[in-house]
Amino acid sequence: MKKTLFAAILLVCGVFKGLAQDAVKPYFTVGQLPDLIKCLPPPPAFNSPEFAYDVIRYQWGKTQRLNPERASVAQRDAIWSYDALFAEFDVPFGLHISKEETPEIWKLLKTSLVTTDQMRVAPKAHYHRMRPFVMYNEHMLSPQFEDDIRGEGSYPSGHTARGWTCALLLAEIAPANSDTIFARGWMYGESRVIEGAHWQSDVDASRVAASIGYCALQNSPAFREQMAKAKAEYAEKTGSLGRVATDDSSQFVTLTDAVPDAILEIRYFGTYNFVGDRIDGYLEPTALLTRKAAEALRAVSDDVMSLGYRLKIYDAYRPQKAVDHFVRWSKNVPDVRMKNYFYPDLDKGVLFDQEYIMEKSGHTRGSTVDLTLFDMATEKELDMGGTFDWFGPESHPDFCGNPDTGQYTGNNSKSPTGRSITAEQFRNRMILRQAMLRHGFKPLDSEWWHFTLREEPFPDTYFTFPVKQLHK
């Protein structure tokens, strides 16, 4: 008795140690996720035609065990392990998935599954459906797992939900491989019928449950940010992104075609900017964005229009030629024509060192925009307490307030000359910021007007074509 108790204690301690070492914080708590008891129908009654089909499929599964290759796949799929699951998708995904080799993809999959795994617990306990191998008093294909699951409800299938969720995630990362990814995801669920661990209706409901969970994940900014990192990692590892030619504008649109309510004031086409000249590469006073970014900005526009504002655009896509112009200007230290307007508190010589000017710009990837709000009631720009392209801490989103909470503090200690902004000016900045965040853009820590699409389509490509009207 003492030995048994001691062994149990060691087992529990080992489990908790493993959890502590590999803890993953889910994107949502179980209370924030859809309730599958309310979403899914109950499992078929034993005297229903649907259950008769379950019985037929159980017998079909037993015949599949006679095929050594299919039986081997089902046995591998029976292993309740994230890494074992991910390994089954290596071939269809086109890349080996591991914490060491693909950390961003691994983190996305692990965190997503830890999140959605929570959804299966309640319906399993609620219905406590008997598993087929228990009902028929027969062995599973993998009998070593029978004691682990015998007392656990059969509806829905946790393995199937994991497999289908994994397929949905990987297909989003690698859409060109989606057919083989989904085919493997489908097999993963069928393996549970072949094992004798689940009824077919368990598997069918679990694919729906996985889709519900996948949709819920889309509401998490942290999930979307991690998905963007996973896509970028896949592109880097496989060379599947960045193949577009830098002079190819086919994936771009003229911003006002996509967002007709936007007002343009393209500062770099004129001379009222920190350089004081028209910037190289700006052939027309228009704005371009990737199609994906423009669609997201259209949603922002619709959002702020309901609040009485329009978007006013200062800059969007910026060709590499323009960035090169900025770099040349920053090295021409005597040229300080616009110092009083844009950088009165700084020596021009530090602008490059302090990264106000850089050799590469996110704008050149085509999914970054500089903008403000135009008040339709007053027919003026909303007062943000500072001008676009002001080089200094007064432009930081956290100047005089906390952008995460939207709380104005009035703390202007970061300003070298004691400048400040009012509570209303800070609030106006937050109106813009929150609208952009709601529709998939991420902010920059140093500029209240600067936002980049979180899931930008060309995260590693710096384009060279000039800014001019594109043909529809």
Protein backbone atom coordinates (compact mmCIF):
# COMPACT_ATOMS: atom_id res chain seq x y z
CA MET A 1 0.00 0.00 0.00
CA LYS A 2 2.82 2.39 0.91
CA LYS A 3 4.67 1.59 -2.31
CA THR A 4 1.52 2.27 -4.35
CA LEU A 5 0.93 5.59 -2.60
CA PHE A 6 4.57 6.59 -3.05
CA ALA A 7 4.45 5.73 -6.74
CA ALA A 8 1.29 7.80 -7.16
CA ILE A 9 2.92 10.77 -5.48
CA LEU A 10 5.94 10.49 -7.75
CA LEU A 11 3.68 10.31 -10.79
CA VAL A 12 1.70 13.40 -9.77
CA CYS A 13 4.89 15.32 -8.99
CA GLY A 14 6.33 14.33 -12.33
CA VAL A 15 3.24 15.51 -14.16
CA PHE A 16 3.25 18.90 -12.43
CA LYS A 17 6.98 19.28 -13.00
CA GLY A 18 6.48 18.66 -16.69
CA LEU A 19 3.67 21.17 -16.82
CA ALA A 20 5.74 23.78 -15.02
CA GLN A 21 8.70 23.33 -17.36
CA ASP A 22 6.59 23.56 -20.49
CA ALA A 23 3.81 25.88 -19.35
CA VAL A 24 1.95 27.72 -22.10
CA LYS A 25 -0.48 30.52 -21.39
CA PRO A 26 -3.61 30.04 -23.53
CA TYR A 27 -4.97 32.86 -25.65
CA PHE A 28 -8.32 32.57 -23.84
CA THR A 29 -9.65 31.01 -20.67
CA VAL A 30 -12.27 28.31 -21.00
CA GLY A 31 -14.93 30.81 -19.95
CA GLN A 32 -14.04 33.03 -22.89
CA LEU A 33 -14.45 30.23 -25.44
CA PRO A 34 -17.65 28.94 -27.05
CA ASP A 35 -19.52 26.31 -25.01
CA LEU A 36 -19.58 23.13 -27.11
CA ILE A 37 -22.53 21.78 -25.13
CA LYS A 38 -24.55 24.65 -26.58
CA CYS A 39 -22.86 24.58 -30.01
CA LEU A 40 -23.01 20.87 -30.84
CA PRO A 41 -25.99 18.50 -30.90
CA PRO A 42 -25.96 15.64 -28.40
CA PRO A 43 -24.48 12.32 -29.55
CA PRO A 44 -26.89 9.96 -31.35
CA ALA A 45 -29.26 7.91 -29.23
CA PHE A 46 -28.60 4.16 -29.23
CA ASN A 47 -31.88 3.44 -31.08
CA SER A 48 -31.34 6.07 -33.81
CA PRO A 49 -30.36 5.64 -37.47
CA GLU A 50 -27.32 7.81 -36.76
CA PHE A 51 -26.08 5.33 -34.19
CA ALA A 52 -26.69 2.48 -36.62
CA TYR A 53 -24.26 4.26 -38.92
CA ASP A 54 -21.81 4.55 -36.02
CA VAL A 55 -21.95 0.76 -35.64
CA ILE A 56 -21.34 0.26 -39.35
CA ARG A 57 -18.35 2.59 -39.20
CA TYR A 58 -16.98 0.77 -36.15
CA GLN A 59 -17.00 -2.45 -38.16
CA TRP A 60 -15.39 -0.61 -41.08
CA GLY A 61 -12.64 0.56 -38.75
CA LYS A 62 -11.87 -3.00 -37.71
CA THR A 63 -11.43 -4.00 -41.36
CA GLN A 64 -8.94 -1.16 -41.83
CA ARG A 65 -6.73 -2.72 -39.18
CA LEU A 66 -6.02 -5.51 -41.65
CA ASN A 67 -4.08 -3.03 -43.76
CA PRO A 68 -0.65 -2.87 -42.05
CA GLU A 69 0.18 0.58 -43.41
CA ARG A 70 -3.12 2.17 -42.38
CA ALA A 71 -3.01 0.43 -39.03
CA SER A 72 0.47 1.83 -38.42
CA VAL A 73 -0.74 5.36 -39.16
CA ALA A 74 -3.66 4.94 -36.76
CA GLN A 75 -1.32 3.72 -34.03
CA ARG A 76 0.93 6.73 -34.47
CA ASP A 77 -2.12 9.01 -34.39
CA ALA A 78 -3.18 7.47 -31.07
CA ILE A 79 -0.21 9.00 -29.24
CA TRP A 80 -1.52 11.88 -27.09
CA SER A 81 1.37 14.27 -27.64
CA TYR A 82 1.67 17.64 -29.32
CA ASP A 83 5.07 16.87 -30.79
CA ALA A 84 3.89 13.49 -32.10
CA LEU A 85 0.92 15.25 -33.71
CA PHE A 86 3.09 17.93 -35.31
CA ALA A 87 5.45 15.28 -36.68
CA GLU A 88 2.59 13.70 -38.62
CA PHE A 89 2.19 16.95 -40.59
CA ASP A 90 5.87 17.39 -41.50
CA VAL A 91 5.49 15.92 -44.98
CA PRO A 92 2.22 17.59 -46.06
CA PHE A 93 3.32 20.88 -44.49
CA GLY A 94 6.66 20.71 -46.24
CA LEU A 95 8.72 21.54 -43.16
CA HIS A 96 9.81 19.75 -40.00
CA ILE A 97 8.01 21.28 -37.02
CA SER A 98 9.87 21.43 -33.73
CA LYS A 99 10.51 23.78 -30.84
CA GLU A 100 14.17 24.02 -31.84
CA GLU A 101 13.93 24.33 -35.64
CA THR A 102 10.65 26.24 -36.08
CA PRO A 103 10.04 27.95 -32.72
CA GLU A 104 7.43 30.44 -33.98
CA ILE A 105 5.33 27.80 -35.75
CA TRP A 106 5.68 25.44 -32.79
CA LYS A 107 4.61 28.19 -30.38
CA LEU A 108 1.58 29.04 -32.50
CA LEU A 109 0.43 25.41 -32.70
CA LYS A 110 1.11 24.61 -29.05
CA THR A 111 -0.57 27.72 -27.66
CA SER A 112 -3.54 27.39 -30.00
CA LEU A 113 -4.11 23.75 -29.07
CA VAL A 114 -3.65 24.42 -25.35
CA THR A 115 -6.38 27.03 -25.79
CA THR A 116 -8.86 24.97 -27.78
CA ASP A 117 -8.21 21.75 -25.84
CA GLN A 118 -10.13 23.35 -22.98
CA MET A 119 -13.36 23.20 -24.98
CA ARG A 120 -13.67 19.40 -25.02
CA VAL A 121 -13.69 18.87 -21.25
CA ALA A 122 -17.25 20.03 -20.52
CA PRO A 123 -19.08 18.02 -23.23
CA LYS A 124 -17.10 14.87 -22.45
CA ALA A 125 -18.16 15.09 -18.82
CA HIS A 126 -21.71 16.17 -19.68
CA TYR A 127 -22.52 13.32 -22.09
CA HIS A 128 -20.06 10.75 -20.74
CA ARG A 129 -20.64 8.64 -23.82
CA MET A 130 -19.41 5.06 -23.75
CA ARG A 131 -16.56 4.32 -26.13
CA PRO A 132 -17.03 1.61 -28.78
CA PHE A 133 -14.32 -0.74 -27.53
CA VAL A 134 -15.89 -0.58 -24.04
CA MET A 135 -19.40 -1.19 -25.32
CA TYR A 136 -18.33 -4.25 -27.28
CA ASN A 137 -15.84 -5.40 -24.66
CA GLU A 138 -13.15 -5.63 -27.30
CA HIS A 139 -9.61 -4.37 -27.54
CA MET A 140 -8.54 -1.22 -29.32
CA LEU A 141 -5.94 -1.40 -32.04
CA SER A 142 -3.54 0.10 -29.48
CA PRO A 143 -4.57 -1.68 -26.27
CA GLN A 144 -1.86 0.03 -24.20
CA PHE A 145 -4.01 3.19 -24.21
CA GLU A 146 -7.26 1.54 -23.11
CA ASP A 147 -6.91 2.17 -19.39
CA ASP A 148 -6.06 5.83 -20.02
CA ILE A 149 -9.33 6.57 -21.80
CA ARG A 150 -11.77 3.88 -20.65
CA GLY A 151 -13.53 6.10 -18.12
CA GLU A 152 -13.37 9.25 -20.21
CA GLY A 153 -16.33 10.31 -22.32
CA SER A 154 -16.18 9.55 -26.03
CA TYR A 155 -17.96 12.67 -27.32
CA PRO A 156 -16.30 14.67 -28.79
CA SER A 157 -12.93 13.26 -29.84
CA GLY A 158 -9.98 15.21 -28.43
CA HIS A 159 -7.53 13.63 -30.87
CA THR A 160 -9.70 14.57 -33.84
CA ALA A 161 -10.17 18.12 -32.63
CA ARG A 162 -6.41 18.51 -32.21
CA GLY A 163 -5.70 17.05 -35.64
CA TRP A 164 -8.25 19.19 -37.47
CA THR A 165 -7.25 22.36 -35.60
CA CYS A 166 -3.63 21.67 -36.48
CA ALA A 167 -4.61 21.26 -40.14
CA LEU A 168 -6.53 24.55 -40.12
CA LEU A 169 -3.56 26.40 -38.63
CA LEU A 170 -0.96 24.88 -40.93
CA ALA A 171 -3.11 25.47 -44.01
CA GLU A 172 -3.27 29.15 -43.11
CA ILE A 173 0.51 29.27 -42.82
CA ALA A 174 1.11 27.30 -46.04
CA PRO A 175 -1.99 27.69 -48.24
CA ALA A 176 -0.20 26.20 -51.26
CA ASN A 177 -0.05 22.89 -49.37
CA SER A 178 -3.57 23.03 -47.96
CA ASP A 179 -4.87 20.07 -49.94
CA THR A 180 -2.33 17.62 -48.53
CA ILE A 181 -2.52 19.21 -45.07
CA PHE A 182 -6.29 18.77 -44.89
CA ALA A 183 -6.09 15.25 -46.29
CA ARG A 184 -3.75 14.31 -43.44
CA GLY A 185 -5.97 16.09 -40.94
CA TRP A 186 -8.94 14.07 -42.17
CA MET A 187 -7.01 10.81 -41.79
CA TYR A 188 -6.12 11.79 -38.23
CA GLY A 189 -9.79 11.76 -37.29
CA GLU A 190 -10.51 8.52 -39.16
CA SER A 191 -7.71 6.90 -37.20
CA ARG A 192 -9.83 7.21 -34.06
CA VAL A 193 -12.55 5.07 -35.66
CA ILE A 194 -9.96 2.54 -36.80
CA GLU A 195 -8.54 2.42 -33.28
CA GLY A 196 -11.99 1.66 -31.88
CA ALA A 197 -11.58 4.59 -29.51
CA HIS A 198 -14.38 6.72 -30.97
CA TRP A 199 -17.62 6.50 -32.86
CA GLN A 200 -17.86 8.17 -36.25
CA SER A 201 -20.27 10.76 -34.86
CA ASP A 202 -17.65 11.68 -32.24
CA VAL A 203 -15.19 12.37 -35.03
CA ASP A 204 -17.66 14.30 -37.16
CA ALA A 205 -18.65 16.57 -34.27
CA SER A 206 -15.01 17.14 -33.38
CA ARG A 207 -14.15 18.57 -36.78
CA VAL A 208 -16.94 21.09 -36.26
CA ALA A 209 -15.67 21.76 -32.74
CA ALA A 210 -12.17 22.37 -34.13
CA SER A 211 -13.55 24.85 -36.64
CA ILE A 212 -15.41 26.67 -33.85
CA GLY A 213 -12.21 26.87 -31.83
CA TYR A 214 -10.21 28.06 -34.83
CA CYS A 215 -12.71 30.88 -35.41
CA ALA A 216 -12.50 31.86 -31.74
CA LEU A 217 -8.71 32.13 -31.98
CA GLN A 218 -9.05 34.83 -34.63
CA ASN A 219 -10.38 37.20 -31.95
CA SER A 220 -7.07 37.17 -30.08
CA PRO A 221 -4.56 39.89 -31.07
CA ALA A 222 -1.82 37.71 -29.57
CA PHE A 223 -2.86 34.82 -31.80
CA ARG A 224 -2.88 36.99 -34.92
CA GLU A 225 0.54 38.39 -34.06
CA GLN A 226 1.94 34.91 -33.51
CA MET A 227 0.36 33.71 -36.77
CA ALA A 228 2.21 36.49 -38.60
CA LYS A 229 5.47 35.36 -37.00
CA ALA A 230 4.74 31.76 -37.96
CA LYS A 231 4.07 32.74 -41.57
CA ALA A 232 7.27 34.75 -41.72
CA GLU A 233 9.24 31.85 -40.27
CA TYR A 234 7.73 29.44 -42.81
CA ALA A 235 8.58 31.83 -45.62
CA GLU A 236 12.15 32.18 -44.39
CA LYS A 237 12.63 28.44 -43.97
CA THR A 238 11.11 27.47 -47.30
CA GLY A 239 11.91 30.53 -49.40
CA SER A 240 8.24 30.71 -50.35
CA LEU A 241 7.84 34.43 -49.73
CA GLY A 242 9.87 37.30 -51.01
CA ARG A 243 10.00 35.80 -54.50
CA VAL A 244 7.95 38.67 -55.86
CA ALA A 245 10.09 41.09 -57.82
CA THR A 246 10.77 44.34 -55.99
CA ASP A 247 9.50 46.33 -58.99
CA ASP A 248 6.24 44.35 -59.14
CA SER A 249 3.26 46.47 -58.04
CA SER A 250 0.62 43.88 -58.96
CA GLN A 251 -0.27 43.20 -55.31
CA PHE A 252 -0.73 46.90 -54.57
CA VAL A 253 -3.70 49.22 -54.99
CA THR A 254 -4.17 52.95 -55.10
CA LEU A 255 -5.35 53.63 -51.58
CA THR A 256 -8.24 55.90 -52.51
CA ASP A 257 -9.64 53.18 -54.78
CA ALA A 258 -9.93 50.93 -51.75
CA VAL A 259 -10.72 53.68 -49.21
CA PRO A 260 -12.61 56.36 -51.17
CA ASP A 261 -13.36 58.43 -48.04
CA ALA A 262 -9.68 58.94 -47.24
CA ILE A 263 -8.14 62.41 -47.56
CA LEU A 264 -4.59 62.61 -48.93
CA GLU A 265 -1.86 65.01 -47.92
CA ILE A 266 1.22 63.25 -49.25
CA ARG A 267 3.94 65.21 -47.52
CA TYR A 268 6.84 63.67 -49.44
CA PHE A 269 5.43 64.73 -52.80
CA GLY A 270 5.64 68.34 -51.62
CA THR A 271 8.26 70.31 -49.73
CA TYR A 272 6.63 70.62 -46.30
CA ASN A 273 8.51 67.72 -44.74
CA PHE A 274 11.62 67.31 -42.62
CA VAL A 275 13.88 67.34 -45.71
CA GLY A 276 12.34 70.41 -47.34
CA ASP A 277 12.28 68.93 -50.86
CA ARG A 278 10.13 66.57 -52.88
CA ILE A 279 11.41 63.09 -52.08
CA ASP A 280 12.80 60.78 -54.75
CA GLY A 281 10.31 58.17 -55.96
CA TYR A 282 7.17 60.23 -55.38
CA LEU A 283 5.97 60.92 -58.94
CA GLU A 284 2.36 61.74 -58.06
CA PRO A 285 0.55 62.91 -54.88
CA THR A 286 -1.09 59.56 -54.28
CA ALA A 287 -0.84 56.71 -51.78
CA LEU A 288 -0.32 53.02 -52.46
CA LEU A 289 -0.74 50.00 -50.17
CA THR A 290 -0.74 46.25 -50.52
CA ARG A 291 -4.21 45.01 -51.29
CA LYS A 292 -4.43 43.26 -47.92
CA ALA A 293 -3.45 46.37 -45.97
CA ALA A 294 -5.83 48.54 -47.98
CA GLU A 295 -8.74 46.22 -47.21
CA ALA A 296 -7.95 46.43 -43.51
CA LEU A 297 -7.71 50.22 -43.72
CA ARG A 298 -11.11 50.32 -45.38
CA ALA A 299 -12.52 48.67 -42.26
CA VAL A 300 -10.80 51.33 -40.15
CA SER A 301 -12.31 54.04 -42.31
CA ASP A 302 -15.81 52.61 -41.93
CA ASP A 303 -15.24 52.41 -38.19
CA VAL A 304 -14.13 56.01 -37.67
CA MET A 305 -16.72 57.36 -40.11
CA SER A 306 -19.36 56.14 -37.67
CA LEU A 307 -17.66 58.32 -35.05
CA GLY A 308 -17.68 61.40 -37.26
CA TYR A 309 -14.12 61.23 -38.63
CA ARG A 310 -12.33 60.55 -41.89
CA LEU A 311 -8.83 59.19 -42.35
CA LYS A 312 -6.18 61.63 -43.53
CA ILE A 313 -3.13 59.97 -45.07
CA TYR A 314 0.36 61.47 -44.94
CA ASP A 315 2.27 58.52 -46.35
CA ALA A 316 1.78 54.85 -47.19
CA TYR A 317 4.04 52.76 -49.44
CA ARG A 318 7.46 54.38 -49.67
CA PRO A 319 9.90 53.19 -52.36
CA GLN A 320 13.46 52.31 -51.40
CA LYS A 321 14.63 55.26 -53.50
CA ALA A 322 12.88 57.60 -51.05
CA VAL A 323 14.51 55.93 -48.05
CA ASP A 324 17.89 56.31 -49.74
CA HIS A 325 17.09 60.02 -50.17
CA PHE A 326 16.46 60.33 -46.42
CA VAL A 327 19.77 58.65 -45.64
CA ARG A 328 21.71 60.98 -47.96
CA TRP A 329 19.99 63.99 -46.41
CA SER A 330 20.81 62.87 -42.86
CA LYS A 331 24.50 62.79 -43.75
CA ASN A 332 24.36 66.32 -45.20
CA VAL A 333 24.61 67.87 -41.74
CA PRO A 334 24.63 71.58 -42.80
CA ASP A 335 21.17 71.30 -44.42
CA VAL A 336 18.88 72.24 -41.51
CA ARG A 337 16.22 74.20 -43.37
CA MET A 338 13.33 72.37 -41.65
CA LYS A 339 14.88 71.99 -38.20
CA ASN A 340 12.54 74.46 -36.46
CA TYR A 341 9.50 72.65 -37.81
CA PHE A 342 10.38 69.00 -37.19
CA TYR A 343 13.43 68.53 -34.93
CA PRO A 344 14.13 71.74 -32.98
CA ASP A 345 15.42 69.89 -29.91
CA LEU A 346 17.87 67.63 -31.75
CA ASP A 347 21.10 68.05 -33.64
CA LYS A 348 20.66 66.74 -37.14
CA GLY A 349 23.78 64.63 -36.76
CA VAL A 350 22.08 62.29 -34.25
CA LEU A 351 18.97 61.56 -36.32
CA PHE A 352 20.50 58.51 -37.98
CA ASP A 353 22.17 57.21 -34.81
CA GLN A 354 18.90 57.52 -32.87
CA GLU A 355 17.06 55.69 -35.70
CA TYR A 356 14.79 58.53 -36.73
CA ILE A 357 16.28 57.83 -40.16
CA MET A 358 17.08 54.23 -41.14
CA GLU A 359 18.40 52.47 -44.22
CA LYS A 360 15.29 50.25 -44.35
CA SER A 361 11.71 51.29 -43.66
CA GLY A 362 8.61 49.23 -42.97
CA HIS A 363 6.81 51.55 -45.39
CA THR A 364 8.80 50.01 -48.24
CA ARG A 365 7.18 46.63 -47.61
CA GLY A 366 3.88 48.22 -48.54
CA SER A 367 1.67 47.60 -45.51
CA THR A 368 2.53 50.60 -43.32
CA VAL A 369 0.63 53.86 -43.24
CA ASP A 370 1.10 57.27 -41.58
CA LEU A 371 -2.20 58.97 -40.89
CA THR A 372 -4.40 61.08 -38.64
CA LEU A 373 -8.10 61.80 -38.22
CA PHE A 374 -10.13 64.55 -39.90
CA ASP A 375 -13.11 65.85 -37.91
CA MET A 376 -16.09 66.16 -40.24
CA ALA A 377 -17.93 68.46 -37.83
CA THR A 378 -15.17 71.08 -37.63
CA GLU A 379 -13.69 70.29 -41.07
CA LYS A 380 -10.23 70.29 -39.51
CA GLU A 381 -7.68 67.70 -38.51
CA LEU A 382 -8.30 66.33 -35.07
CA ASP A 383 -5.89 68.00 -32.64
CA MET A 384 -3.24 65.41 -31.77
CA GLY A 385 -0.97 67.82 -29.90
CA GLY A 386 1.86 67.48 -32.38
CA THR A 387 2.66 67.39 -36.06
CA PHE A 388 3.39 64.41 -38.27
CA ASP A 389 7.13 63.62 -38.45
CA TRP A 390 8.03 65.50 -35.28
CA PHE A 391 11.31 63.95 -34.12
CA GLY A 392 11.13 63.69 -30.35
CA PRO A 393 9.52 61.95 -27.39
CA GLU A 394 6.44 64.17 -27.72
CA SER A 395 5.46 61.93 -30.67
CA HIS A 396 5.56 58.74 -28.62
CA PRO A 397 2.15 57.13 -28.01
CA ASP A 398 2.94 56.93 -24.28
CA PHE A 399 3.73 60.64 -23.97
CA CYS A 400 1.58 62.06 -21.15
CA GLY A 401 -0.44 58.86 -20.85
CA ASN A 402 -0.71 55.08 -20.98
CA PRO A 403 -1.72 53.89 -24.47
CA ASP A 404 -2.58 50.41 -23.18
CA THR A 405 -5.24 51.71 -20.80
CA GLY A 406 -6.03 54.99 -22.56
CA GLN A 407 -5.44 56.85 -19.31
CA TYR A 408 -4.06 60.40 -19.47
CA THR A 409 -1.39 61.05 -16.85
CA GLY A 410 0.00 64.43 -17.89
CA ASN A 411 3.53 63.11 -17.28
CA ASN A 412 5.69 65.14 -19.68
CA SER A 413 9.05 64.28 -18.11
CA LYS A 414 10.26 62.74 -21.37
CA SER A 415 10.13 66.10 -23.14
CA PRO A 416 13.55 67.82 -23.05
CA THR A 417 11.95 71.28 -22.99
CA GLY A 418 8.85 70.56 -20.90
CA ARG A 419 6.38 70.42 -23.77
CA SER A 420 3.09 68.72 -23.00
CA ILE A 421 -0.21 67.65 -24.54
CA THR A 422 -3.67 68.00 -23.06
CA ALA A 423 -6.00 65.23 -21.98
CA GLU A 424 -8.13 65.89 -25.06
CA GLN A 425 -5.13 65.65 -27.40
CA PHE A 426 -4.08 62.38 -25.80
CA ARG A 427 -7.65 61.08 -26.10
CA ASN A 428 -7.67 61.98 -29.80
CA ARG A 429 -4.51 59.97 -30.34
CA MET A 430 -6.17 57.04 -28.61
CA ILE A 431 -9.24 57.22 -30.87
CA LEU A 432 -6.97 56.70 -33.87
CA ARG A 433 -4.86 54.07 -32.14
CA GLN A 434 -7.77 51.94 -30.96
CA ALA A 435 -9.46 52.01 -34.36
CA MET A 436 -6.26 50.82 -36.03
CA LEU A 437 -5.70 48.08 -33.46
CA ARG A 438 -9.26 46.84 -33.86
CA HIS A 439 -8.67 46.12 -37.51
CA GLY A 440 -5.34 44.33 -37.50
CA PHE A 441 -2.71 47.06 -37.39
CA LYS A 442 0.09 47.34 -34.86
CA PRO A 443 1.50 50.65 -33.60
CA LEU A 444 5.04 52.00 -33.41
CA ASP A 445 6.41 52.99 -30.02
CA SER A 446 7.89 56.25 -31.27
CA GLU A 447 5.20 57.69 -33.60
CA TRP A 448 1.49 58.08 -32.80
CA TRP A 449 0.65 58.27 -36.53
CA HIS A 450 2.51 55.14 -37.71
CA PHE A 451 0.82 51.71 -38.06
CA THR A 452 1.73 48.45 -39.81
CA LEU A 453 -0.58 45.59 -40.73
CA ARG A 454 0.17 42.76 -38.31
CA GLU A 455 -0.04 40.07 -40.96
CA GLU A 456 1.69 41.98 -43.74
CA PRO A 457 1.96 39.91 -46.93
CA PHE A 458 5.57 40.85 -47.75
CA PRO A 459 7.44 41.05 -44.44
CA ASP A 460 10.85 40.61 -46.09
CA THR A 461 10.46 42.44 -49.42
CA TYR A 462 11.49 46.06 -49.92
CA PHE A 463 9.89 47.37 -53.10
CA THR A 464 11.40 49.82 -55.58
CA PHE A 465 8.62 50.93 -57.93
CA PRO A 466 7.69 54.66 -57.73
CA VAL A 467 4.61 56.17 -56.13
CA LYS A 468 2.12 56.95 -58.85
CA GLN A 469 -1.45 56.12 -59.73
CA LEU A 470 -1.95 52.41 -60.43
CA HIS A 471 -4.29 51.17 -63.12
CA LYS A 472 -7.22 49.17 -61.77
